[in-house]
Amino acid sequence: MTKKLLTIFIIIALVGFVVYFYVTCKPIPVKSKSEAAKDLVKTSNQEKYQIVKHKYFTLAYSEEHEQPAWVCYSLRKEQVGGEEPRSNNFVPDPLVSTQTADDIDYLKSGYDKGHMVPAADMSWSPEAMKETFYFSNMSPQFPSFNRGAWKKLEEKVRSWAVKYDSVKVFVGPVFKDNIKKIGPDSVTVPGYYYKTIVIYYHSNYEGIGFIFPNKKIVNPLVNYAVPIDNVEKYVDLDFYKYLPDAIEEKMESNINLELWGLSKTK
């Protein structure tokens, strides 16, 4: 094999490797990067998550907390504003081997079944809409939070997908300062939630993160905006390791609030 052909082969292999990690949505634990190749992702406390790959999103299911630890999906401009009606048909996830929570866990609990992947983000497809109502995509949220700040951020994400052509999202609960357990399956009510959003704009990756307490939010969204680095340290995961180190470090360490259209009044 000539040097030229060898060089071309190496470049193709590297590109394929990057695309593989981007598509599979597999974040790497910050304190145990070697676990990335496994089907179970470990956090620093050694809890195991089952990785579940649905057609339109990927999640890591926590049996201990009976909900996802993280969910990853992409949203493109042409997918926003679809006409598929909201189904409200919440069902157990057939792909979770240990079984998920169910309606009875939330019944009369006082908490909403909070979507991690919003139903409105998947209104372009009946199958995609159906997947968002699996209990593996739900987490107990205070109604005032779910229907307030959380909904506002979901609407922002859709607007960013339209403005910048596409977004990549990691979202989930933070199992710190947990509030209580609900239902026969002892579903954890998390103390916090996070979301990170990445866009590719003008030949650069730009990112922003959010950390919210699970309660009514009265302050503007910008008050809860943080660099992605902060989110990763808080949840002990490395979401965007597939990017070259220099690009990843730059994207995760700062926020361009003007780019995201955020101010103290929004």
C-alpha atoms as a PDB file:
ATOM      1  CA  MET A   1       0.000   0.000   0.000  1.00  0.00           C
ATOM      2  CA  THR A   2       1.384   3.402  -1.007  1.00  0.00           C
ATOM      3  CA  LYS A   3       1.774   6.199   1.543  1.00  0.00           C
ATOM      4  CA  LYS A   4      -0.928   8.203  -0.238  1.00  0.00           C
ATOM      5  CA  LEU A   5      -3.451   5.347  -0.045  1.00  0.00           C
ATOM      6  CA  LEU A   6      -2.525   4.693   3.586  1.00  0.00           C
ATOM      7  CA  THR A   7      -3.114   8.353   4.450  1.00  0.00           C
ATOM      8  CA  ILE A   8      -6.528   8.303   2.737  1.00  0.00           C
ATOM      9  CA  PHE A   9      -7.461   5.107   4.585  1.00  0.00           C
ATOM     10  CA  ILE A  10      -6.520   6.603   7.971  1.00  0.00           C
ATOM     11  CA  ILE A  11      -8.545   9.779   7.295  1.00  0.00           C
ATOM     12  CA  ILE A  12     -11.623   7.739   6.312  1.00  0.00           C
ATOM     13  CA  ALA A  13     -11.267   5.584   9.420  1.00  0.00           C
ATOM     14  CA  LEU A  14     -11.027   8.618  11.715  1.00  0.00           C
ATOM     15  CA  VAL A  15     -14.060  10.279  10.130  1.00  0.00           C
ATOM     16  CA  GLY A  16     -16.017   7.054  10.514  1.00  0.00           C
ATOM     17  CA  PHE A  17     -15.049   6.813  14.184  1.00  0.00           C
ATOM     18  CA  VAL A  18     -16.244  10.368  14.893  1.00  0.00           C
ATOM     19  CA  VAL A  19     -19.534   9.815  13.045  1.00  0.00           C
ATOM     20  CA  TYR A  20     -20.136   6.579  14.972  1.00  0.00           C
ATOM     21  CA  PHE A  21     -19.964   8.295  18.351  1.00  0.00           C
ATOM     22  CA  TYR A  22     -22.039  11.240  17.136  1.00  0.00           C
ATOM     23  CA  VAL A  23     -24.849   8.982  15.919  1.00  0.00           C
ATOM     24  CA  THR A  24     -24.928   6.595  18.870  1.00  0.00           C
ATOM     25  CA  CYS A  25     -25.218   9.410  21.441  1.00  0.00           C
ATOM     26  CA  LYS A  26     -23.022   7.650  23.963  1.00  0.00           C
ATOM     27  CA  PRO A  27     -21.559  10.047  26.547  1.00  0.00           C
ATOM     28  CA  ILE A  28     -18.457   8.896  28.382  1.00  0.00           C
ATOM     29  CA  PRO A  29     -18.215   8.951  32.183  1.00  0.00           C
ATOM     30  CA  VAL A  30     -15.796  11.663  33.229  1.00  0.00           C
ATOM     31  CA  LYS A  31     -14.012   9.496  35.785  1.00  0.00           C
ATOM     32  CA  SER A  32     -13.987   6.275  33.786  1.00  0.00           C
ATOM     33  CA  LYS A  33     -13.558   6.926  30.073  1.00  0.00           C
ATOM     34  CA  SER A  34     -12.704   3.314  29.269  1.00  0.00           C
ATOM     35  CA  GLU A  35     -16.345   2.367  29.973  1.00  0.00           C
ATOM     36  CA  ALA A  36     -17.428   4.135  26.760  1.00  0.00           C
ATOM     37  CA  ALA A  37     -17.131   0.964  24.710  1.00  0.00           C
ATOM     38  CA  LYS A  38     -19.535  -0.950  26.941  1.00  0.00           C
ATOM     39  CA  ASP A  39     -23.325  -1.178  26.751  1.00  0.00           C
ATOM     40  CA  LEU A  40     -23.594  -0.113  30.390  1.00  0.00           C
ATOM     41  CA  VAL A  41     -22.381   3.315  31.367  1.00  0.00           C
ATOM     42  CA  LYS A  42     -21.014   3.669  34.887  1.00  0.00           C
ATOM     43  CA  THR A  43     -20.977   6.818  36.930  1.00  0.00           C
ATOM     44  CA  SER A  44     -18.497   7.518  39.693  1.00  0.00           C
ATOM     45  CA  ASN A  45     -20.767   5.776  42.214  1.00  0.00           C
ATOM     46  CA  GLN A  46     -20.634   2.620  40.064  1.00  0.00           C
ATOM     47  CA  GLU A  47     -24.337   2.569  39.292  1.00  0.00           C
ATOM     48  CA  LYS A  48     -25.076   0.817  35.997  1.00  0.00           C
ATOM     49  CA  TYR A  49     -27.367   2.222  33.318  1.00  0.00           C
ATOM     50  CA  GLN A  50     -28.956   0.254  30.510  1.00  0.00           C
ATOM     51  CA  ILE A  51     -28.365   1.940  27.150  1.00  0.00           C
ATOM     52  CA  VAL A  52     -31.568   1.853  25.100  1.00  0.00           C
ATOM     53  CA  LYS A  53     -31.507   2.882  21.446  1.00  0.00           C
ATOM     54  CA  HIS A  54     -34.858   3.846  20.029  1.00  0.00           C
ATOM     55  CA  LYS A  55     -35.258   4.946  16.441  1.00  0.00           C
ATOM     56  CA  TYR A  56     -35.286   8.662  17.211  1.00  0.00           C
ATOM     57  CA  PHE A  57     -33.406   8.987  20.499  1.00  0.00           C
ATOM     58  CA  THR A  58     -31.035   7.110  22.795  1.00  0.00           C
ATOM     59  CA  LEU A  59     -31.248   6.937  26.589  1.00  0.00           C
ATOM     60  CA  ALA A  60     -29.494   5.502  29.624  1.00  0.00           C
ATOM     61  CA  TYR A  61     -32.055   3.967  31.971  1.00  0.00           C
ATOM     62  CA  SER A  62     -31.474   3.979  35.731  1.00  0.00           C
ATOM     63  CA  GLU A  63     -33.206   1.057  37.415  1.00  0.00           C
ATOM     64  CA  GLU A  64     -32.360   2.521  40.812  1.00  0.00           C
ATOM     65  CA  HIS A  65     -34.305   5.708  40.053  1.00  0.00           C
ATOM     66  CA  GLU A  66     -36.797   4.238  37.509  1.00  0.00           C
ATOM     67  CA  GLN A  67     -36.180   6.926  34.893  1.00  0.00           C
ATOM     68  CA  PRO A  68     -33.508   7.982  32.413  1.00  0.00           C
ATOM     69  CA  ALA A  69     -30.157   9.317  33.613  1.00  0.00           C
ATOM     70  CA  TRP A  70     -29.705  10.960  30.229  1.00  0.00           C
ATOM     71  CA  VAL A  71     -31.452  11.124  26.879  1.00  0.00           C
ATOM     72  CA  CYS A  72     -29.816  12.200  23.636  1.00  0.00           C
ATOM     73  CA  TYR A  73     -31.465  13.307  20.406  1.00  0.00           C
ATOM     74  CA  SER A  74     -31.086  15.618  17.436  1.00  0.00           C
ATOM     75  CA  LEU A  75     -33.688  17.977  16.007  1.00  0.00           C
ATOM     76  CA  ARG A  76     -33.555  19.412  12.486  1.00  0.00           C
ATOM     77  CA  LYS A  77     -35.184  22.549  11.143  1.00  0.00           C
ATOM     78  CA  GLU A  78     -37.547  20.662   8.837  1.00  0.00           C
ATOM     79  CA  GLN A  79     -38.826  18.539  11.736  1.00  0.00           C
ATOM     80  CA  VAL A  80     -40.098  21.493  13.759  1.00  0.00           C
ATOM     81  CA  GLY A  81     -43.808  22.295  13.639  1.00  0.00           C
ATOM     82  CA  GLY A  82     -45.153  18.929  12.534  1.00  0.00           C
ATOM     83  CA  GLU A  83     -48.857  18.091  12.522  1.00  0.00           C
ATOM     84  CA  GLU A  84     -48.819  14.795  14.440  1.00  0.00           C
ATOM     85  CA  PRO A  85     -51.163  15.290  17.437  1.00  0.00           C
ATOM     86  CA  ARG A  86     -49.972  14.682  20.978  1.00  0.00           C
ATOM     87  CA  SER A  87     -50.983  11.134  21.907  1.00  0.00           C
ATOM     88  CA  ASN A  88     -50.887  11.278  25.742  1.00  0.00           C
ATOM     89  CA  ASN A  89     -50.600   7.482  25.641  1.00  0.00           C
ATOM     90  CA  PHE A  90     -47.990   6.812  28.329  1.00  0.00           C
ATOM     91  CA  VAL A  91     -46.706   3.217  28.170  1.00  0.00           C
ATOM     92  CA  PRO A  92     -43.825   1.163  29.619  1.00  0.00           C
ATOM     93  CA  ASP A  93     -40.733   0.950  27.429  1.00  0.00           C
ATOM     94  CA  PRO A  94     -40.562  -2.557  25.898  1.00  0.00           C
ATOM     95  CA  LEU A  95     -36.787  -2.275  25.392  1.00  0.00           C
ATOM     96  CA  VAL A  96     -35.907  -1.736  29.069  1.00  0.00           C
ATOM     97  CA  SER A  97     -34.986  -5.195  30.348  1.00  0.00           C
ATOM     98  CA  THR A  98     -35.710  -4.425  34.018  1.00  0.00           C
ATOM     99  CA  GLN A  99     -39.099  -2.822  33.190  1.00  0.00           C
ATOM    100  CA  THR A 100     -39.898   0.833  33.619  1.00  0.00           C
ATOM    101  CA  ALA A 101     -42.203   2.806  35.860  1.00  0.00           C
ATOM    102  CA  ASP A 102     -45.911   2.894  35.002  1.00  0.00           C
ATOM    103  CA  ASP A 103     -49.013   5.072  35.408  1.00  0.00           C
ATOM    104  CA  ILE A 104     -49.647   3.823  38.919  1.00  0.00           C
ATOM    105  CA  ASP A 105     -46.343   5.312  40.096  1.00  0.00           C
ATOM    106  CA  TYR A 106     -47.499   8.814  39.184  1.00  0.00           C
ATOM    107  CA  LEU A 107     -51.156   8.390  40.142  1.00  0.00           C
ATOM    108  CA  LYS A 108     -52.202  11.061  42.689  1.00  0.00           C
ATOM    109  CA  SER A 109     -48.508  11.813  43.348  1.00  0.00           C
ATOM    110  CA  GLY A 110     -48.846  15.516  42.618  1.00  0.00           C
ATOM    111  CA  TYR A 111     -46.044  15.322  40.025  1.00  0.00           C
ATOM    112  CA  ASP A 112     -46.183  15.604  36.244  1.00  0.00           C
ATOM    113  CA  LYS A 113     -44.782  12.961  33.935  1.00  0.00           C
ATOM    114  CA  GLY A 114     -42.062  15.287  32.664  1.00  0.00           C
ATOM    115  CA  HIS A 115     -40.798  14.533  29.159  1.00  0.00           C
ATOM    116  CA  MET A 116     -37.056  14.563  28.593  1.00  0.00           C
ATOM    117  CA  VAL A 117     -37.518  14.465  24.811  1.00  0.00           C
ATOM    118  CA  PRO A 118     -40.509  16.782  24.333  1.00  0.00           C
ATOM    119  CA  ALA A 119     -43.503  15.398  22.455  1.00  0.00           C
ATOM    120  CA  ALA A 120     -43.618  18.630  20.452  1.00  0.00           C
ATOM    121  CA  ASP A 121     -40.096  17.961  19.147  1.00  0.00           C
ATOM    122  CA  MET A 122     -41.333  14.721  17.586  1.00  0.00           C
ATOM    123  CA  SER A 123     -44.606  15.972  16.087  1.00  0.00           C
ATOM    124  CA  TRP A 124     -43.279  15.273  12.587  1.00  0.00           C
ATOM    125  CA  SER A 125     -43.721  11.484  12.880  1.00  0.00           C
ATOM    126  CA  PRO A 126     -46.321   9.140  14.461  1.00  0.00           C
ATOM    127  CA  GLU A 127     -43.587   6.685  15.440  1.00  0.00           C
ATOM    128  CA  ALA A 128     -41.389   9.409  16.918  1.00  0.00           C
ATOM    129  CA  MET A 129     -44.345  10.798  18.865  1.00  0.00           C
ATOM    130  CA  LYS A 130     -45.143   7.332  20.231  1.00  0.00           C
ATOM    131  CA  GLU A 131     -41.571   6.850  21.461  1.00  0.00           C
ATOM    132  CA  THR A 132     -41.645  10.061  23.513  1.00  0.00           C
ATOM    133  CA  PHE A 133     -44.456   8.627  25.671  1.00  0.00           C
ATOM    134  CA  TYR A 134     -42.436   5.668  26.928  1.00  0.00           C
ATOM    135  CA  PHE A 135     -41.967   5.875  30.695  1.00  0.00           C
ATOM    136  CA  SER A 136     -38.233   5.602  30.055  1.00  0.00           C
ATOM    137  CA  ASN A 137     -38.509   9.192  28.782  1.00  0.00           C
ATOM    138  CA  MET A 138     -40.357  10.442  31.890  1.00  0.00           C
ATOM    139  CA  SER A 139     -39.222  11.963  35.171  1.00  0.00           C
ATOM    140  CA  PRO A 140     -41.377  13.341  38.038  1.00  0.00           C
ATOM    141  CA  GLN A 141     -41.505  17.133  37.833  1.00  0.00           C
ATOM    142  CA  PHE A 142     -43.357  19.739  39.841  1.00  0.00           C
ATOM    143  CA  PRO A 143     -46.248  20.901  37.622  1.00  0.00           C
ATOM    144  CA  SER A 144     -45.221  24.556  37.925  1.00  0.00           C
ATOM    145  CA  PHE A 145     -41.718  23.672  36.724  1.00  0.00           C
ATOM    146  CA  ASN A 146     -42.777  21.310  33.932  1.00  0.00           C
ATOM    147  CA  ARG A 147     -45.338  23.742  32.550  1.00  0.00           C
ATOM    148  CA  GLY A 148     -43.205  26.811  33.207  1.00  0.00           C
ATOM    149  CA  ALA A 149     -39.444  27.139  32.790  1.00  0.00           C
ATOM    150  CA  TRP A 150     -38.996  23.617  31.395  1.00  0.00           C
ATOM    151  CA  LYS A 151     -41.590  24.276  28.694  1.00  0.00           C
ATOM    152  CA  LYS A 152     -40.039  27.657  27.888  1.00  0.00           C
ATOM    153  CA  LEU A 153     -36.644  26.044  27.357  1.00  0.00           C
ATOM    154  CA  GLU A 154     -38.194  23.361  25.134  1.00  0.00           C
ATOM    155  CA  GLU A 155     -39.694  26.120  22.999  1.00  0.00           C
ATOM    156  CA  LYS A 156     -36.308  27.849  22.851  1.00  0.00           C
ATOM    157  CA  VAL A 157     -34.631  24.650  21.659  1.00  0.00           C
ATOM    158  CA  ARG A 158     -37.117  24.353  18.786  1.00  0.00           C
ATOM    159  CA  SER A 159     -36.508  27.961  17.815  1.00  0.00           C
ATOM    160  CA  TRP A 160     -32.738  27.333  17.810  1.00  0.00           C
ATOM    161  CA  ALA A 161     -33.238  24.273  15.586  1.00  0.00           C
ATOM    162  CA  VAL A 162     -35.074  26.478  13.089  1.00  0.00           C
ATOM    163  CA  LYS A 163     -32.559  29.320  13.295  1.00  0.00           C
ATOM    164  CA  TYR A 164     -29.403  27.205  13.110  1.00  0.00           C
ATOM    165  CA  ASP A 165     -30.730  24.275  10.996  1.00  0.00           C
ATOM    166  CA  SER A 166     -30.243  21.637  13.713  1.00  0.00           C
ATOM    167  CA  VAL A 167     -29.462  21.095  17.385  1.00  0.00           C
ATOM    168  CA  LYS A 168     -28.034  18.186  19.373  1.00  0.00           C
ATOM    169  CA  VAL A 169     -29.404  17.770  22.885  1.00  0.00           C
ATOM    170  CA  PHE A 170     -28.497  15.853  26.040  1.00  0.00           C
ATOM    171  CA  VAL A 171     -31.071  16.097  28.813  1.00  0.00           C
ATOM    172  CA  GLY A 172     -31.883  14.404  32.087  1.00  0.00           C
ATOM    173  CA  PRO A 173     -32.419  14.549  35.846  1.00  0.00           C
ATOM    174  CA  VAL A 174     -29.721  15.179  38.441  1.00  0.00           C
ATOM    175  CA  PHE A 175     -29.933  12.744  41.334  1.00  0.00           C
ATOM    176  CA  LYS A 176     -28.713  15.168  44.001  1.00  0.00           C
ATOM    177  CA  ASP A 177     -30.800  16.553  46.857  1.00  0.00           C
ATOM    178  CA  ASN A 178     -33.581  14.253  45.712  1.00  0.00           C
ATOM    179  CA  ILE A 179     -37.010  15.223  47.017  1.00  0.00           C
ATOM    180  CA  LYS A 180     -38.718  11.875  47.674  1.00  0.00           C
ATOM    181  CA  LYS A 181     -39.817   8.559  46.153  1.00  0.00           C
ATOM    182  CA  ILE A 182     -43.235   7.993  44.610  1.00  0.00           C
ATOM    183  CA  GLY A 183     -45.325   4.971  43.633  1.00  0.00           C
ATOM    184  CA  PRO A 184     -44.960   1.209  44.101  1.00  0.00           C
ATOM    185  CA  ASP A 185     -41.752   1.224  42.029  1.00  0.00           C
ATOM    186  CA  SER A 186     -40.143   3.937  44.204  1.00  0.00           C
ATOM    187  CA  VAL A 187     -39.549   6.431  41.412  1.00  0.00           C
ATOM    188  CA  THR A 188     -37.084   9.103  42.504  1.00  0.00           C
ATOM    189  CA  VAL A 189     -38.209  12.724  42.369  1.00  0.00           C
ATOM    190  CA  PRO A 190     -34.926  14.420  41.383  1.00  0.00           C
ATOM    191  CA  GLY A 191     -33.693  17.611  42.950  1.00  0.00           C
ATOM    192  CA  TYR A 192     -32.486  19.089  39.653  1.00  0.00           C
ATOM    193  CA  TYR A 193     -32.576  18.791  35.858  1.00  0.00           C
ATOM    194  CA  TYR A 194     -30.051  19.623  33.156  1.00  0.00           C
ATOM    195  CA  LYS A 195     -30.034  20.188  29.435  1.00  0.00           C
ATOM    196  CA  THR A 196     -27.168  20.860  27.017  1.00  0.00           C
ATOM    197  CA  ILE A 197     -27.593  22.097  23.454  1.00  0.00           C
ATOM    198  CA  VAL A 198     -24.978  22.192  20.684  1.00  0.00           C
ATOM    199  CA  ILE A 199     -25.173  23.810  17.250  1.00  0.00           C
ATOM    200  CA  TYR A 200     -22.775  24.064  14.316  1.00  0.00           C
ATOM    201  CA  TYR A 201     -22.703  27.697  13.199  1.00  0.00           C
ATOM    202  CA  HIS A 202     -20.316  29.552  10.901  1.00  0.00           C
ATOM    203  CA  SER A 203     -17.872  26.605  10.903  1.00  0.00           C
ATOM    204  CA  ASN A 204     -17.806  26.473  14.709  1.00  0.00           C
ATOM    205  CA  TYR A 205     -19.451  24.373  17.392  1.00  0.00           C
ATOM    206  CA  GLU A 206     -21.338  26.447  19.957  1.00  0.00           C
ATOM    207  CA  GLY A 207     -22.845  25.084  23.145  1.00  0.00           C
ATOM    208  CA  ILE A 208     -24.923  26.053  26.147  1.00  0.00           C
ATOM    209  CA  GLY A 209     -26.064  24.223  29.273  1.00  0.00           C
ATOM    210  CA  PHE A 210     -28.816  24.699  31.850  1.00  0.00           C
ATOM    211  CA  ILE A 211     -29.254  23.429  35.401  1.00  0.00           C
ATOM    212  CA  PHE A 212     -32.628  23.930  37.100  1.00  0.00           C
ATOM    213  CA  PRO A 213     -33.965  23.031  40.543  1.00  0.00           C
ATOM    214  CA  ASN A 214     -37.126  20.930  40.372  1.00  0.00           C
ATOM    215  CA  LYS A 215     -39.472  23.673  41.539  1.00  0.00           C
ATOM    216  CA  LYS A 216     -41.330  26.719  40.274  1.00  0.00           C
ATOM    217  CA  ILE A 217     -38.942  29.033  38.426  1.00  0.00           C
ATOM    218  CA  VAL A 218     -39.669  32.760  38.404  1.00  0.00           C
ATOM    219  CA  ASN A 219     -36.336  34.081  37.113  1.00  0.00           C
ATOM    220  CA  PRO A 220     -35.415  34.352  33.400  1.00  0.00           C
ATOM    221  CA  LEU A 221     -33.891  31.285  31.736  1.00  0.00           C
ATOM    222  CA  VAL A 222     -30.548  33.053  31.414  1.00  0.00           C
ATOM    223  CA  ASN A 223     -30.148  32.857  35.207  1.00  0.00           C
ATOM    224  CA  TYR A 224     -29.803  29.075  34.869  1.00  0.00           C
ATOM    225  CA  ALA A 225     -27.536  29.054  31.812  1.00  0.00           C
ATOM    226  CA  VAL A 226     -24.048  27.628  32.411  1.00  0.00           C
ATOM    227  CA  PRO A 227     -21.159  26.378  30.269  1.00  0.00           C
ATOM    228  CA  ILE A 228     -21.500  22.725  29.278  1.00  0.00           C
ATOM    229  CA  ASP A 229     -18.383  22.017  31.348  1.00  0.00           C
ATOM    230  CA  ASN A 230     -20.365  22.925  34.469  1.00  0.00           C
ATOM    231  CA  VAL A 231     -23.130  20.488  33.579  1.00  0.00           C
ATOM    232  CA  GLU A 232     -20.696  17.667  32.847  1.00  0.00           C
ATOM    233  CA  LYS A 233     -18.962  18.125  36.179  1.00  0.00           C
ATOM    234  CA  TYR A 234     -22.297  18.262  37.991  1.00  0.00           C
ATOM    235  CA  VAL A 235     -23.611  15.005  36.486  1.00  0.00           C
ATOM    236  CA  ASP A 236     -20.192  13.332  36.073  1.00  0.00           C
ATOM    237  CA  LEU A 237     -20.485  12.637  32.336  1.00  0.00           C
ATOM    238  CA  ASP A 238     -18.635  13.782  29.221  1.00  0.00           C
ATOM    239  CA  PHE A 239     -21.256  14.298  26.513  1.00  0.00           C
ATOM    240  CA  TYR A 240     -19.245  15.534  23.535  1.00  0.00           C
ATOM    241  CA  LYS A 241     -16.042  13.518  23.727  1.00  0.00           C
ATOM    242  CA  TYR A 242     -16.354  12.603  20.045  1.00  0.00           C
ATOM    243  CA  LEU A 243     -15.166  16.129  19.165  1.00  0.00           C
ATOM    244  CA  PRO A 244     -11.436  16.933  18.926  1.00  0.00           C
ATOM    245  CA  ASP A 245     -10.142  18.088  22.317  1.00  0.00           C
ATOM    246  CA  ALA A 246      -9.404  21.679  21.276  1.00  0.00           C
ATOM    247  CA  ILE A 247     -12.873  22.150  19.762  1.00  0.00           C
ATOM    248  CA  GLU A 248     -14.591  20.448  22.685  1.00  0.00           C
ATOM    249  CA  GLU A 249     -12.775  22.535  25.299  1.00  0.00           C
ATOM    250  CA  LYS A 250     -13.563  25.819  23.530  1.00  0.00           C
ATOM    251  CA  MET A 251     -17.231  24.936  22.994  1.00  0.00           C
ATOM    252  CA  GLU A 252     -17.824  23.701  26.532  1.00  0.00           C
ATOM    253  CA  SER A 253     -16.017  26.419  28.450  1.00  0.00           C
ATOM    254  CA  ASN A 254     -17.987  29.511  27.436  1.00  0.00           C
ATOM    255  CA  ILE A 255     -21.425  30.769  26.373  1.00  0.00           C
ATOM    256  CA  ASN A 256     -22.188  33.349  23.705  1.00  0.00           C
ATOM    257  CA  LEU A 257     -25.461  34.653  25.173  1.00  0.00           C
ATOM    258  CA  GLU A 258     -26.043  36.950  22.202  1.00  0.00           C
ATOM    259  CA  LEU A 259     -25.876  33.966  19.837  1.00  0.00           C
ATOM    260  CA  TRP A 260     -28.542  32.163  21.890  1.00  0.00           C
ATOM    261  CA  GLY A 261     -30.727  35.258  22.104  1.00  0.00           C
ATOM    262  CA  LEU A 262     -30.730  35.299  25.896  1.00  0.00           C
ATOM    263  CA  SER A 263     -30.793  38.305  28.157  1.00  0.00           C
ATOM    264  CA  LYS A 264     -31.898  39.117  31.706  1.00  0.00           C
ATOM    265  CA  THR A 265     -35.465  39.524  30.457  1.00  0.00           C
ATOM    266  CA  LYS A 266     -35.815  36.254  28.485  1.00  0.00           C
END
